[in-house]
Protein backbone atom coordinates (compact mmCIF):
# COMPACT_ATOMS: atom_id res chain seq x y z
CA MET A 1 2.81 2.83 109.96
CA LYS A 2 6.40 2.20 110.87
CA THR A 3 8.82 5.24 111.16
CA ILE A 4 12.17 5.31 109.66
CA SER A 5 13.84 4.66 113.03
CA GLU A 6 11.47 1.91 113.66
CA ALA A 7 12.59 0.26 110.69
CA GLY A 8 16.40 0.78 111.27
CA ALA A 9 15.88 -1.01 114.50
CA ALA A 10 13.82 -3.83 113.05
CA ALA A 11 16.33 -4.81 110.21
CA THR A 12 20.15 -4.56 110.18
CA ILE A 13 21.65 -3.67 106.84
CA THR A 14 24.84 -5.23 106.22
CA PRO A 15 26.88 -4.47 103.26
CA PRO A 16 28.30 -7.38 100.74
CA VAL A 17 31.67 -8.77 101.46
CA PRO A 18 33.66 -8.42 98.00
CA THR A 19 35.38 -11.72 97.37
CA SER A 20 39.01 -11.80 96.77
CA TYR A 21 40.06 -10.52 93.26
CA LYS A 22 41.53 -13.43 91.18
CA ARG A 23 43.62 -12.81 88.46
CA LYS A 24 42.56 -14.15 85.08
CA GLN A 25 45.02 -16.51 83.24
CA ILE A 26 45.13 -15.69 79.69
CA SER A 27 46.53 -18.15 77.08
CA VAL A 28 46.91 -16.77 73.55
CA ASN A 29 45.65 -19.78 71.35
CA GLY A 30 47.42 -22.33 73.66
CA VAL A 31 51.07 -20.87 72.41
CA ASP A 32 53.82 -21.22 74.79
CA MET A 33 55.65 -17.90 74.42
CA GLU A 34 58.99 -19.06 75.98
CA ASN A 35 59.40 -22.11 74.01
CA LYS A 36 58.13 -20.37 70.92
CA LYS A 37 60.95 -17.57 71.27
CA LYS A 38 63.58 -20.39 71.87
CA GLN A 39 62.48 -22.05 68.76
CA THR A 40 62.53 -18.56 66.85
CA ASN A 41 66.24 -18.46 68.18
CA GLY A 42 67.09 -21.91 67.03
CA ILE A 43 66.75 -23.59 70.54
CA THR A 44 64.68 -26.34 71.31
CA THR A 45 62.57 -26.35 74.55
CA ASP A 46 64.91 -28.81 76.27
CA GLY A 47 68.01 -26.34 75.78
CA ALA A 48 69.73 -28.28 73.10
CA ALA A 49 71.33 -26.27 70.43
CA ASN A 50 69.59 -26.59 66.89
CA GLY A 51 72.40 -25.94 64.32
CA PHE A 52 75.55 -24.32 65.02
CA TYR A 53 75.21 -21.91 68.16
CA GLY A 54 71.37 -21.76 67.34
CA VAL A 55 71.64 -20.94 63.53
CA ASP A 56 70.36 -23.26 60.77
CA PRO A 57 72.88 -22.97 57.94
CA PHE A 58 71.15 -22.23 54.73
CA PHE A 59 73.55 -23.91 52.54
CA LEU A 60 73.17 -27.30 54.16
CA LYS A 61 69.52 -27.37 52.68
CA TRP A 62 70.98 -27.12 49.11
CA THR A 63 70.39 -29.97 46.77
CA LEU A 64 72.01 -30.50 43.38
CA ARG A 65 69.10 -29.21 41.65
CA ASP A 66 69.41 -25.81 43.33
CA VAL A 67 73.11 -25.58 42.51
CA VAL A 68 72.32 -26.21 38.77
CA ASN A 69 69.22 -23.72 39.06
CA VAL A 70 71.55 -20.93 40.47
CA ALA A 71 74.11 -21.40 37.59
CA LYS A 72 71.16 -21.55 34.95
CA HIS A 73 69.37 -18.64 36.21
CA HIS A 74 71.77 -16.38 37.86
CA TRP A 75 74.63 -16.69 35.46
CA LEU A 76 76.00 -13.17 35.88
CA PRO A 77 76.58 -13.41 39.55
CA CYS A 78 78.45 -16.86 39.02
CA PHE A 79 80.54 -15.29 36.17
CA PHE A 80 81.57 -12.74 38.56
CA GLY A 81 82.26 -15.39 41.16
CA PHE A 82 84.54 -17.16 38.74
CA GLY A 83 86.19 -13.70 37.91
CA LEU A 84 86.90 -13.44 41.81
CA LEU A 85 88.43 -16.60 41.84
CA PHE A 86 90.62 -16.09 38.91
CA PHE A 87 91.88 -12.44 39.43
CA MET A 88 92.45 -12.69 43.26
CA PRO A 89 95.82 -14.97 42.60
CA VAL A 90 96.57 -13.07 39.70
CA GLU A 91 96.38 -9.74 41.57
CA TYR A 92 98.82 -10.91 44.23
CA THR A 93 101.44 -12.52 42.00
CA LEU A 94 101.53 -10.30 39.24
CA HIS A 95 104.80 -8.37 38.95
CA MET A 96 104.51 -4.62 38.65
CA VAL A 97 105.94 -2.78 35.51
CA PRO A 98 109.26 -0.95 36.20
CA SER A 99 109.28 2.89 36.44
CA SER A 100 111.56 3.08 33.49
CA SER A 101 109.21 0.96 31.18
CA PRO A 102 105.85 2.28 29.48
CA PRO A 103 102.73 1.47 31.14
CA PHE A 104 101.11 -1.91 29.87
CA ASP A 105 97.65 -1.66 28.57
CA LEU A 106 96.10 -4.20 26.77
CA GLY A 107 93.95 -1.79 24.76
CA PHE A 108 97.20 -0.37 23.53
CA LEU A 109 98.35 -3.67 22.35
CA VAL A 110 95.46 -4.86 20.47
CA THR A 111 95.34 -1.31 18.44
CA ARG A 112 99.00 -1.02 18.18
CA ARG A 113 98.54 -1.60 14.08
CA LEU A 114 96.22 1.52 14.20
CA HIS A 115 98.52 3.50 16.24
CA GLY A 116 101.25 2.84 13.68
CA LEU A 117 98.98 3.78 10.91
CA LEU A 118 97.75 7.05 12.59
CA SER A 119 101.42 7.87 13.42
CA SER A 120 102.63 7.50 9.60
CA TRP A 121 99.39 9.12 8.36
CA PRO A 122 98.79 12.47 10.52
CA GLU A 123 96.06 13.49 8.26
CA LEU A 124 94.11 10.65 8.73
CA ASN A 125 94.51 11.17 12.36
CA THR A 126 93.37 14.92 11.90
CA SER A 127 90.29 13.59 9.73
CA LEU A 128 89.33 11.04 12.54
CA ALA A 129 89.79 13.65 15.32
CA GLY A 130 87.19 15.89 13.36
CA LEU A 131 84.76 13.29 12.77
CA ASN A 132 84.97 12.26 16.62
CA THR A 133 84.13 16.08 17.46
CA VAL A 134 81.09 15.90 15.37
CA PHE A 135 80.01 12.98 17.25
CA VAL A 136 80.83 14.44 20.45
CA GLY A 137 78.50 17.51 19.26
CA MET A 138 75.72 15.29 18.42
CA GLN A 139 75.70 13.74 21.97
CA THR A 140 75.46 17.34 23.29
CA ALA A 141 72.91 18.37 20.98
CA TYR A 142 70.82 15.31 21.79
CA ILE A 143 71.22 15.66 25.74
CA LEU A 144 70.25 19.37 25.46
CA TRP A 145 67.29 18.70 23.11
CA THR A 146 65.76 16.21 25.36
CA TRP A 147 65.28 18.99 28.26
CA LEU A 148 65.12 22.24 26.20
CA VAL A 149 62.63 20.94 23.71
CA GLU A 150 61.09 17.74 24.76
CA GLY A 151 61.17 18.95 28.67
CA ARG A 152 63.01 15.84 29.81
CA PRO A 153 65.63 17.00 31.87
CA ARG A 154 67.03 13.41 33.17
CA ALA A 155 69.81 13.04 30.75
CA THR A 156 70.84 16.73 30.95
CA ILE A 157 71.26 16.29 34.79
CA SER A 158 73.12 12.95 34.23
CA ALA A 159 75.52 14.72 31.96
CA LEU A 160 75.99 17.52 34.55
CA PHE A 161 76.65 14.73 37.45
CA MET A 162 79.12 13.12 35.25
CA PHE A 163 81.25 16.20 34.14
CA THR A 164 81.35 17.26 37.73
CA CYS A 165 82.31 14.19 39.14
CA ARG A 166 84.82 13.89 36.09
CA GLY A 167 86.40 17.38 36.89
CA ILE A 168 86.88 16.61 40.53
CA LEU A 169 88.63 13.08 39.67
CA GLY A 170 90.51 15.27 37.35
CA PHE A 171 92.26 17.29 39.89
CA SER A 172 92.69 14.47 42.25
CA THR A 173 93.83 11.53 40.09
CA GLN A 174 96.33 12.53 37.39
CA LEU A 175 97.62 9.94 35.03
CA PRO A 176 100.62 10.61 32.88
CA LEU A 177 100.21 10.87 29.37
CA PRO A 178 101.62 7.75 27.23
CA GLU A 179 104.89 8.54 25.28
CA GLU A 180 102.81 7.29 22.17
CA PHE A 181 99.97 9.98 22.66
CA LEU A 182 98.73 11.22 19.15
CA GLY A 183 97.19 14.80 19.77
CA SER A 184 95.41 16.77 17.30
CA GLY A 185 94.12 20.18 17.01
CA ALA A 186 90.66 18.81 15.82
CA ASP A 187 90.27 17.10 18.94
CA PHE A 188 87.35 18.37 21.36
CA PRO A 189 88.49 19.57 23.95
CA VAL A 190 92.26 19.85 22.79
CA GLY A 191 93.79 16.37 23.05
CA ASN A 192 97.32 18.13 24.31
CA VAL A 193 96.78 18.12 27.82
CA SER A 194 99.29 17.45 30.80
CA PHE A 195 97.56 14.91 32.44
CA PHE A 196 94.52 12.41 31.79
CA LEU A 197 91.20 13.04 33.27
CA PHE A 198 90.23 9.57 34.69
CA PHE A 199 87.52 8.35 32.99
CA SER A 200 86.59 9.01 29.25
CA GLY A 201 83.87 11.53 29.39
CA HIS A 202 83.23 10.87 25.63
CA VAL A 203 82.23 7.40 26.13
CA ALA A 204 79.96 8.45 29.25
CA GLY A 205 78.19 11.12 27.38
CA SER A 206 77.40 8.86 24.32
CA LEU A 207 76.08 6.29 26.75
CA ILE A 208 74.11 8.45 28.51
CA ALA A 209 72.39 9.78 25.27
CA SER A 210 71.93 6.00 24.11
CA LEU A 211 70.37 4.89 27.47
CA ASP A 212 67.70 7.90 26.90
CA MET A 213 67.06 6.72 23.46
CA ARG A 214 66.42 3.47 24.75
CA ARG A 215 63.95 4.36 27.20
CA MET A 216 61.92 6.65 24.37
CA GLN A 217 62.24 3.46 22.22
CA ARG A 218 64.24 5.30 19.51
CA TRP A 219 66.15 1.92 18.80
CA GLU A 220 67.70 2.78 15.30
CA LEU A 221 69.13 5.98 16.64
CA ALA A 222 70.41 4.08 19.93
CA ARG A 223 72.21 1.50 17.91
CA ALA A 224 73.85 4.17 15.50
CA PHE A 225 75.14 6.08 18.53
CA ASP A 226 76.28 2.74 20.35
CA LEU A 227 78.31 1.91 16.91
CA LEU A 228 79.73 5.11 16.77
CA ASN A 229 80.62 4.88 20.44
CA VAL A 230 82.77 1.73 19.79
CA LEU A 231 84.39 3.60 16.81
CA GLN A 232 85.20 6.43 19.16
CA VAL A 233 86.58 3.93 21.88
CA ILE A 234 88.80 2.25 19.01
CA ARG A 235 90.02 5.66 18.04
CA LEU A 236 91.07 6.93 21.48
CA LEU A 237 92.94 3.59 22.25
CA GLY A 238 94.61 3.97 18.86
CA THR A 239 95.74 7.54 19.57
CA ARG A 240 96.46 6.64 23.12
CA GLY A 241 94.03 9.29 24.06
CA HIS A 242 92.89 7.26 27.20
CA TYR A 243 93.85 3.97 28.90
CA THR A 244 91.58 1.14 28.89
CA ILE A 245 90.53 1.66 32.55
CA ASP A 246 89.31 4.99 31.29
CA ILE A 247 86.93 3.59 28.59
CA ALA A 248 85.67 0.93 31.31
CA VAL A 249 85.00 3.28 34.00
CA GLY A 250 83.33 5.65 31.39
CA VAL A 251 81.01 3.15 30.31
CA GLY A 252 80.31 2.59 34.31
CA ALA A 253 79.90 6.15 34.91
CA GLY A 254 77.38 6.66 32.22
CA VAL A 255 75.03 3.88 33.66
CA LEU A 256 75.50 5.20 37.23
CA PHE A 257 74.93 8.86 36.62
CA ASP A 258 71.87 8.01 34.49
CA SER A 259 70.47 5.82 37.36
CA LEU A 260 71.30 8.60 39.60
CA ALA A 261 69.56 11.33 37.55
CA GLY A 262 66.57 9.11 37.48
CA LYS A 263 66.26 8.87 41.09
CA TYR A 264 66.80 12.72 41.41
CA VAL A 265 64.14 13.57 38.89
CA GLU A 266 61.73 11.09 40.36
CA CYS A 267 62.49 12.47 43.91
CA LYS A 268 61.66 15.87 42.84
CA GLN A 269 58.46 14.97 41.15
CA ARG A 270 56.98 13.82 44.34
CA LYS A 271 57.38 17.29 46.02
CA PRO A 272 54.02 19.81 45.68
CA ILE A 273 53.65 21.57 42.63
CA ALA A 274 54.45 24.85 44.39
CA ASN A 275 57.93 24.11 44.54
CA THR A 276 58.16 23.91 40.72
CA VAL A 277 59.71 26.68 38.41
CA THR A 278 57.05 27.52 36.02
CA ALA A 279 56.76 29.83 33.09
CA LYS A 280 54.25 32.78 32.66
CA ASP A 281 51.92 30.59 30.60
CA GLY A 282 51.69 27.75 33.28
CA ARG A 283 54.45 25.38 31.73
CA ARG A 284 56.58 23.51 34.16
CA LEU A 285 60.31 24.42 33.24
CA PHE A 286 62.01 22.05 35.69
């Protein structure tokens, strides 16, 4: 029997010599990433530019059919585009009204006969102002009803947004009263003010109520409010209670603040229930 020392003398154990490490060449599906990057940037592998400065213009791919489809399916942006081309030269060539002359307003021009009638018949002016006040009360009652009774605060929040913004603009943008303004004690609020609040809150509030009615599919009520709103606009222009720009911005303000209130309500509904205000019986108030 051999001892350990004898076995070690008889055989020499040599450790294996490690071969040199070779880095594995990786190819991602045979894609040349350098050329791929150049192609993405609009440059070919030989360095030649593809398009203008490496950009392939989108409009060069248009066909006559594409142009026709744009006019057919996107007629509203096309209308705005023609409006831009029309009003740009008008804006830069239109002569300003002298300070000694009354301001020019297209709505005043259209309603000049109504203005003459109301000027010669004060009782009619007061009656129409009273009816307009009733309509404003209807708007207010409906907007508050949607929150206090139906538990939908969107219209109320929209009205709060609108009147707050209107108040801020009223202090920062003061327009002179037209000399032909026909005030009436039956107006709400009182029409005899020293400046105009830029945009019409009457029109915006009516539109906020009408939009809510449409969301709730109260179509007949919405159409009735729209009709009364049109009559309100005619009266405001006939009595010179607002400029035409006030009416137009009032319509836009109603749509804008209704949309903002919708986003606000949606954002709040995403928060945990613990952040909501609830009544004693567990009903959510806001």
